[in-house]
N, C-alpha and C. Protein backbone atom coordinates (compact mmCIF):
# COMPACT_ATOMS: atom_id res chain seq x y z
N MET A 1 0.84 -1.16 0.00
CA MET A 1 0.00 0.00 0.00
C MET A 1 0.89 1.23 0.00
N MET A 2 0.50 2.28 -0.76
CA MET A 2 1.28 3.50 -0.78
C MET A 2 0.36 4.70 -0.77
N GLN A 3 0.89 5.81 -0.34
CA GLN A 3 0.15 7.06 -0.35
C GLN A 3 0.70 7.91 -1.49
N SER A 4 -0.17 8.47 -2.29
CA SER A 4 0.23 9.31 -3.40
C SER A 4 -0.75 10.46 -3.50
N LYS A 5 -0.26 11.70 -3.27
CA LYS A 5 -1.12 12.88 -3.33
C LYS A 5 -2.38 12.68 -2.49
N ASP A 6 -2.20 12.16 -1.28
CA ASP A 6 -3.31 11.90 -0.36
C ASP A 6 -4.31 10.89 -0.90
N ILE A 7 -3.88 10.03 -1.79
CA ILE A 7 -4.73 8.99 -2.34
C ILE A 7 -4.17 7.65 -1.87
N ASP A 8 -5.02 6.85 -1.27
CA ASP A 8 -4.62 5.54 -0.78
C ASP A 8 -4.76 4.54 -1.92
N VAL A 9 -3.64 3.94 -2.31
CA VAL A 9 -3.60 3.06 -3.48
C VAL A 9 -3.12 1.68 -3.06
N ILE A 10 -3.77 0.65 -3.58
CA ILE A 10 -3.31 -0.73 -3.39
C ILE A 10 -3.16 -1.36 -4.77
N HIS A 11 -2.00 -1.90 -5.05
CA HIS A 11 -1.77 -2.63 -6.30
C HIS A 11 -2.07 -4.10 -6.02
N THR A 12 -2.49 -4.83 -7.02
CA THR A 12 -2.77 -6.25 -6.81
C THR A 12 -1.55 -6.99 -6.27
N LEU A 13 -0.36 -6.55 -6.62
CA LEU A 13 0.84 -7.20 -6.10
C LEU A 13 0.95 -7.06 -4.59
N ASP A 14 0.27 -6.06 -4.00
CA ASP A 14 0.29 -5.85 -2.56
C ASP A 14 -0.74 -6.71 -1.83
N LEU A 15 -1.61 -7.38 -2.57
CA LEU A 15 -2.62 -8.25 -1.97
C LEU A 15 -1.99 -9.61 -1.65
N PRO A 16 -2.55 -10.35 -0.69
CA PRO A 16 -1.95 -11.63 -0.30
C PRO A 16 -1.74 -12.60 -1.47
N LYS A 17 -2.64 -12.63 -2.43
CA LYS A 17 -2.50 -13.54 -3.58
C LYS A 17 -1.89 -12.86 -4.80
N GLY A 18 -1.49 -11.60 -4.65
CA GLY A 18 -0.86 -10.88 -5.75
C GLY A 18 -1.73 -10.84 -6.99
N ASN A 19 -1.11 -11.03 -8.14
CA ASN A 19 -1.84 -10.98 -9.41
C ASN A 19 -2.75 -12.19 -9.62
N LYS A 20 -2.71 -13.15 -8.70
CA LYS A 20 -3.60 -14.31 -8.79
C LYS A 20 -4.90 -14.07 -8.02
N THR A 21 -5.07 -12.85 -7.50
CA THR A 21 -6.29 -12.50 -6.78
C THR A 21 -7.46 -12.54 -7.76
N LYS A 22 -8.52 -13.22 -7.37
CA LYS A 22 -9.70 -13.33 -8.23
C LYS A 22 -10.42 -11.99 -8.33
N ASP A 23 -11.05 -11.79 -9.49
CA ASP A 23 -11.83 -10.56 -9.70
C ASP A 23 -12.88 -10.38 -8.61
N SER A 24 -13.51 -11.47 -8.20
CA SER A 24 -14.54 -11.38 -7.16
C SER A 24 -13.97 -10.87 -5.84
N GLU A 25 -12.73 -11.24 -5.54
CA GLU A 25 -12.08 -10.76 -4.31
C GLU A 25 -11.75 -9.27 -4.43
N ILE A 26 -11.31 -8.86 -5.61
CA ILE A 26 -11.03 -7.44 -5.84
C ILE A 26 -12.32 -6.64 -5.73
N ASN A 27 -13.40 -7.16 -6.31
CA ASN A 27 -14.70 -6.48 -6.21
C ASN A 27 -15.13 -6.37 -4.75
N HIS A 28 -14.97 -7.44 -3.98
CA HIS A 28 -15.34 -7.43 -2.57
C HIS A 28 -14.55 -6.36 -1.82
N LEU A 29 -13.25 -6.31 -2.02
CA LEU A 29 -12.40 -5.32 -1.38
C LEU A 29 -12.82 -3.91 -1.79
N SER A 30 -13.10 -3.73 -3.06
CA SER A 30 -13.53 -2.43 -3.57
C SER A 30 -14.80 -1.96 -2.88
N LEU A 31 -15.78 -2.85 -2.74
CA LEU A 31 -17.04 -2.50 -2.07
C LEU A 31 -16.83 -2.25 -0.58
N ALA A 32 -16.08 -3.13 0.06
CA ALA A 32 -15.87 -3.03 1.51
C ALA A 32 -15.13 -1.75 1.89
N GLU A 33 -14.17 -1.33 1.05
CA GLU A 33 -13.34 -0.17 1.37
C GLU A 33 -13.64 1.03 0.48
N GLN A 34 -14.70 0.94 -0.32
CA GLN A 34 -15.10 2.01 -1.25
C GLN A 34 -13.91 2.48 -2.09
N ARG A 35 -13.32 1.52 -2.78
CA ARG A 35 -12.16 1.80 -3.64
C ARG A 35 -12.55 1.77 -5.11
N ILE A 36 -11.87 2.57 -5.88
CA ILE A 36 -12.02 2.58 -7.34
C ILE A 36 -11.09 1.52 -7.91
N VAL A 37 -11.62 0.65 -8.75
CA VAL A 37 -10.79 -0.34 -9.44
C VAL A 37 -10.32 0.28 -10.75
N VAL A 38 -9.01 0.27 -10.96
CA VAL A 38 -8.40 0.76 -12.19
C VAL A 38 -7.91 -0.47 -12.94
N THR A 39 -8.41 -0.65 -14.17
CA THR A 39 -8.12 -1.90 -14.88
C THR A 39 -8.19 -1.72 -16.39
N LYS A 40 -7.59 -2.66 -17.10
CA LYS A 40 -7.75 -2.80 -18.54
C LYS A 40 -8.64 -3.99 -18.86
N ASP A 41 -9.06 -4.71 -17.83
CA ASP A 41 -9.79 -5.97 -17.95
C ASP A 41 -11.29 -5.73 -18.13
N ASN A 42 -11.82 -6.11 -19.31
CA ASN A 42 -13.24 -5.92 -19.59
C ASN A 42 -14.15 -6.77 -18.71
N ASP A 43 -13.62 -7.80 -18.06
CA ASP A 43 -14.43 -8.59 -17.14
C ASP A 43 -15.01 -7.71 -16.04
N PHE A 44 -14.26 -6.70 -15.61
CA PHE A 44 -14.76 -5.79 -14.58
C PHE A 44 -15.91 -4.94 -15.12
N VAL A 45 -15.87 -4.62 -16.41
CA VAL A 45 -16.98 -3.87 -17.02
C VAL A 45 -18.25 -4.71 -16.95
N ASN A 46 -18.15 -5.97 -17.34
CA ASN A 46 -19.32 -6.86 -17.29
C ASN A 46 -19.85 -6.97 -15.87
N SER A 47 -18.97 -7.15 -14.91
CA SER A 47 -19.39 -7.26 -13.52
C SER A 47 -20.05 -5.97 -13.04
N PHE A 48 -19.49 -4.85 -13.44
CA PHE A 48 -20.06 -3.57 -13.03
C PHE A 48 -21.45 -3.38 -13.63
N LEU A 49 -21.58 -3.65 -14.92
CA LEU A 49 -22.87 -3.44 -15.60
C LEU A 49 -23.93 -4.42 -15.12
N LEU A 50 -23.54 -5.66 -14.85
CA LEU A 50 -24.51 -6.68 -14.45
C LEU A 50 -24.82 -6.68 -12.95
N HIS A 51 -23.79 -6.42 -12.12
CA HIS A 51 -23.94 -6.60 -10.69
C HIS A 51 -23.59 -5.37 -9.86
N ASN A 52 -23.25 -4.27 -10.55
CA ASN A 52 -22.85 -3.03 -9.87
C ASN A 52 -21.66 -3.25 -8.94
N ARG A 53 -20.72 -4.08 -9.40
CA ARG A 53 -19.46 -4.35 -8.70
C ARG A 53 -18.33 -4.21 -9.70
N PRO A 54 -17.29 -3.53 -9.40
CA PRO A 54 -16.82 -2.98 -8.14
C PRO A 54 -17.55 -1.70 -7.74
N TYR A 55 -17.08 -1.12 -6.64
CA TYR A 55 -17.65 0.11 -6.10
C TYR A 55 -17.68 1.20 -7.18
N LYS A 56 -16.53 1.48 -7.77
CA LYS A 56 -16.40 2.40 -8.90
C LYS A 56 -15.32 1.83 -9.82
N LEU A 57 -15.38 2.22 -11.10
CA LEU A 57 -14.52 1.59 -12.09
C LEU A 57 -13.90 2.62 -13.02
N LEU A 58 -12.57 2.52 -13.18
CA LEU A 58 -11.85 3.28 -14.19
C LEU A 58 -11.27 2.26 -15.17
N LEU A 59 -11.83 2.23 -16.37
CA LEU A 59 -11.37 1.32 -17.42
C LEU A 59 -10.34 2.06 -18.28
N VAL A 60 -9.14 1.50 -18.35
CA VAL A 60 -8.06 2.09 -19.14
C VAL A 60 -8.07 1.44 -20.51
N THR A 61 -8.30 2.25 -21.55
CA THR A 61 -8.39 1.73 -22.92
C THR A 61 -7.35 2.39 -23.81
N THR A 62 -6.12 2.36 -23.35
CA THR A 62 -5.03 2.99 -24.09
C THR A 62 -4.34 2.05 -25.07
N GLY A 63 -4.69 0.78 -25.04
CA GLY A 63 -3.93 -0.19 -25.81
C GLY A 63 -2.56 -0.34 -25.17
N ASN A 64 -1.60 -0.79 -25.95
CA ASN A 64 -0.24 -0.94 -25.42
C ASN A 64 0.32 0.43 -25.06
N ILE A 65 0.84 0.53 -23.85
CA ILE A 65 1.40 1.79 -23.36
C ILE A 65 2.47 1.45 -22.34
N THR A 66 3.53 2.21 -22.33
CA THR A 66 4.58 1.97 -21.33
C THR A 66 4.07 2.41 -19.96
N ASN A 67 4.64 1.83 -18.92
CA ASN A 67 4.27 2.23 -17.57
C ASN A 67 4.52 3.72 -17.36
N LYS A 68 5.63 4.22 -17.89
CA LYS A 68 5.97 5.64 -17.77
C LYS A 68 4.90 6.51 -18.42
N ASP A 69 4.46 6.15 -19.62
CA ASP A 69 3.44 6.92 -20.32
C ASP A 69 2.08 6.82 -19.63
N LEU A 70 1.77 5.64 -19.09
CA LEU A 70 0.51 5.48 -18.37
C LEU A 70 0.52 6.32 -17.10
N GLN A 71 1.63 6.31 -16.40
CA GLN A 71 1.74 7.12 -15.19
C GLN A 71 1.56 8.60 -15.53
N ALA A 72 2.20 9.06 -16.60
CA ALA A 72 2.07 10.46 -17.00
C ALA A 72 0.63 10.80 -17.38
N LEU A 73 -0.04 9.89 -18.08
CA LEU A 73 -1.43 10.10 -18.45
C LEU A 73 -2.32 10.18 -17.21
N MET A 74 -2.12 9.26 -16.28
CA MET A 74 -2.91 9.27 -15.05
C MET A 74 -2.68 10.56 -14.26
N GLU A 75 -1.44 10.97 -14.16
CA GLU A 75 -1.12 12.20 -13.43
C GLU A 75 -1.75 13.42 -14.09
N SER A 76 -1.76 13.45 -15.42
CA SER A 76 -2.32 14.60 -16.12
C SER A 76 -3.84 14.68 -15.98
N ARG A 77 -4.50 13.57 -15.73
CA ARG A 77 -5.96 13.52 -15.62
C ARG A 77 -6.45 13.32 -14.19
N LEU A 78 -5.53 13.20 -13.23
CA LEU A 78 -5.90 12.82 -11.87
C LEU A 78 -6.93 13.74 -11.25
N GLU A 79 -6.69 15.03 -11.25
CA GLU A 79 -7.64 15.97 -10.63
C GLU A 79 -9.01 15.87 -11.28
N GLN A 80 -9.05 15.78 -12.59
CA GLN A 80 -10.31 15.66 -13.31
C GLN A 80 -11.02 14.36 -12.96
N LEU A 81 -10.27 13.27 -12.90
CA LEU A 81 -10.86 11.98 -12.55
C LEU A 81 -11.44 12.00 -11.14
N LEU A 82 -10.70 12.55 -10.20
CA LEU A 82 -11.19 12.62 -8.82
C LEU A 82 -12.48 13.42 -8.73
N GLU A 83 -12.52 14.51 -9.44
CA GLU A 83 -13.74 15.33 -9.46
C GLU A 83 -14.91 14.57 -10.08
N LEU A 84 -14.66 13.91 -11.20
CA LEU A 84 -15.72 13.17 -11.88
C LEU A 84 -16.22 12.00 -11.04
N PHE A 85 -15.32 11.33 -10.32
CA PHE A 85 -15.74 10.19 -9.51
C PHE A 85 -16.58 10.60 -8.30
N GLU A 86 -16.66 11.88 -8.01
CA GLU A 86 -17.57 12.33 -6.95
C GLU A 86 -19.02 12.10 -7.36
N SER A 87 -19.30 12.12 -8.67
CA SER A 87 -20.68 11.95 -9.13
C SER A 87 -20.86 10.82 -10.14
N CYS A 88 -19.78 10.21 -10.59
CA CYS A 88 -19.84 9.13 -11.58
C CYS A 88 -19.27 7.85 -10.97
N ASP A 89 -19.72 6.72 -11.51
CA ASP A 89 -19.24 5.43 -11.01
C ASP A 89 -18.38 4.66 -12.01
N PHE A 90 -18.43 5.06 -13.29
CA PHE A 90 -17.73 4.29 -14.33
C PHE A 90 -17.20 5.26 -15.37
N ILE A 91 -15.87 5.31 -15.48
CA ILE A 91 -15.20 6.21 -16.43
C ILE A 91 -14.22 5.39 -17.25
N GLU A 92 -14.13 5.73 -18.51
CA GLU A 92 -13.16 5.11 -19.42
C GLU A 92 -12.10 6.13 -19.77
N LEU A 93 -10.84 5.74 -19.64
CA LEU A 93 -9.72 6.62 -19.92
C LEU A 93 -8.93 6.09 -21.11
N SER A 94 -8.86 6.89 -22.17
CA SER A 94 -8.01 6.53 -23.31
C SER A 94 -6.84 7.51 -23.32
N ARG A 95 -6.00 7.42 -24.32
CA ARG A 95 -4.89 8.37 -24.43
C ARG A 95 -5.39 9.79 -24.69
N ASP A 96 -6.54 9.91 -25.37
CA ASP A 96 -6.97 11.22 -25.84
C ASP A 96 -8.26 11.74 -25.22
N TYR A 97 -9.01 10.91 -24.53
CA TYR A 97 -10.30 11.37 -24.02
C TYR A 97 -10.76 10.54 -22.83
N LEU A 98 -11.79 11.07 -22.18
CA LEU A 98 -12.49 10.36 -21.11
C LEU A 98 -13.91 10.12 -21.57
N VAL A 99 -14.46 8.98 -21.23
CA VAL A 99 -15.88 8.70 -21.46
C VAL A 99 -16.49 8.47 -20.09
N ILE A 100 -17.49 9.27 -19.76
CA ILE A 100 -18.21 9.10 -18.51
C ILE A 100 -19.43 8.26 -18.85
N HIS A 101 -19.44 7.01 -18.43
CA HIS A 101 -20.53 6.11 -18.76
C HIS A 101 -21.70 6.33 -17.83
N GLY A 102 -22.87 6.34 -18.41
CA GLY A 102 -24.08 6.43 -17.62
C GLY A 102 -24.80 7.74 -17.72
N ASP A 103 -24.11 8.82 -18.11
CA ASP A 103 -24.82 10.08 -18.24
C ASP A 103 -24.67 10.70 -19.63
N GLY A 104 -24.06 9.95 -20.55
CA GLY A 104 -24.01 10.38 -21.94
C GLY A 104 -22.99 11.44 -22.26
N GLU A 105 -22.15 11.83 -21.28
CA GLU A 105 -21.17 12.86 -21.55
C GLU A 105 -19.85 12.25 -22.03
N GLU A 106 -19.15 13.00 -22.83
CA GLU A 106 -17.81 12.62 -23.26
C GLU A 106 -16.95 13.85 -23.22
N ASP A 107 -15.73 13.73 -22.70
CA ASP A 107 -14.81 14.83 -22.60
C ASP A 107 -13.58 14.52 -23.44
N LYS A 108 -13.34 15.35 -24.44
CA LYS A 108 -12.17 15.12 -25.30
C LYS A 108 -11.01 15.96 -24.88
């Protein structure tokens, strides 16, 4: 677990089962601790749409991207994402735009 800009972050590698943690366990943790799941895995989209799990979801749809470029992208959009997550539950982040799912808005 690490603190970044007053944001409490847990990477799957920090969980007891690491990257072998089941999606259902991540969803449970997300709901229990009101955490946003950040993922490229569409399985979480299906779970969110069908069962309203995880608590909130940020789907990263950048395609192949270096960790350095992804970190820079996240940092450049962080304040906007935090503000949007106050009223939204599911956001898609690409290299060039955000899609706020559920209210029909798109921010380029």
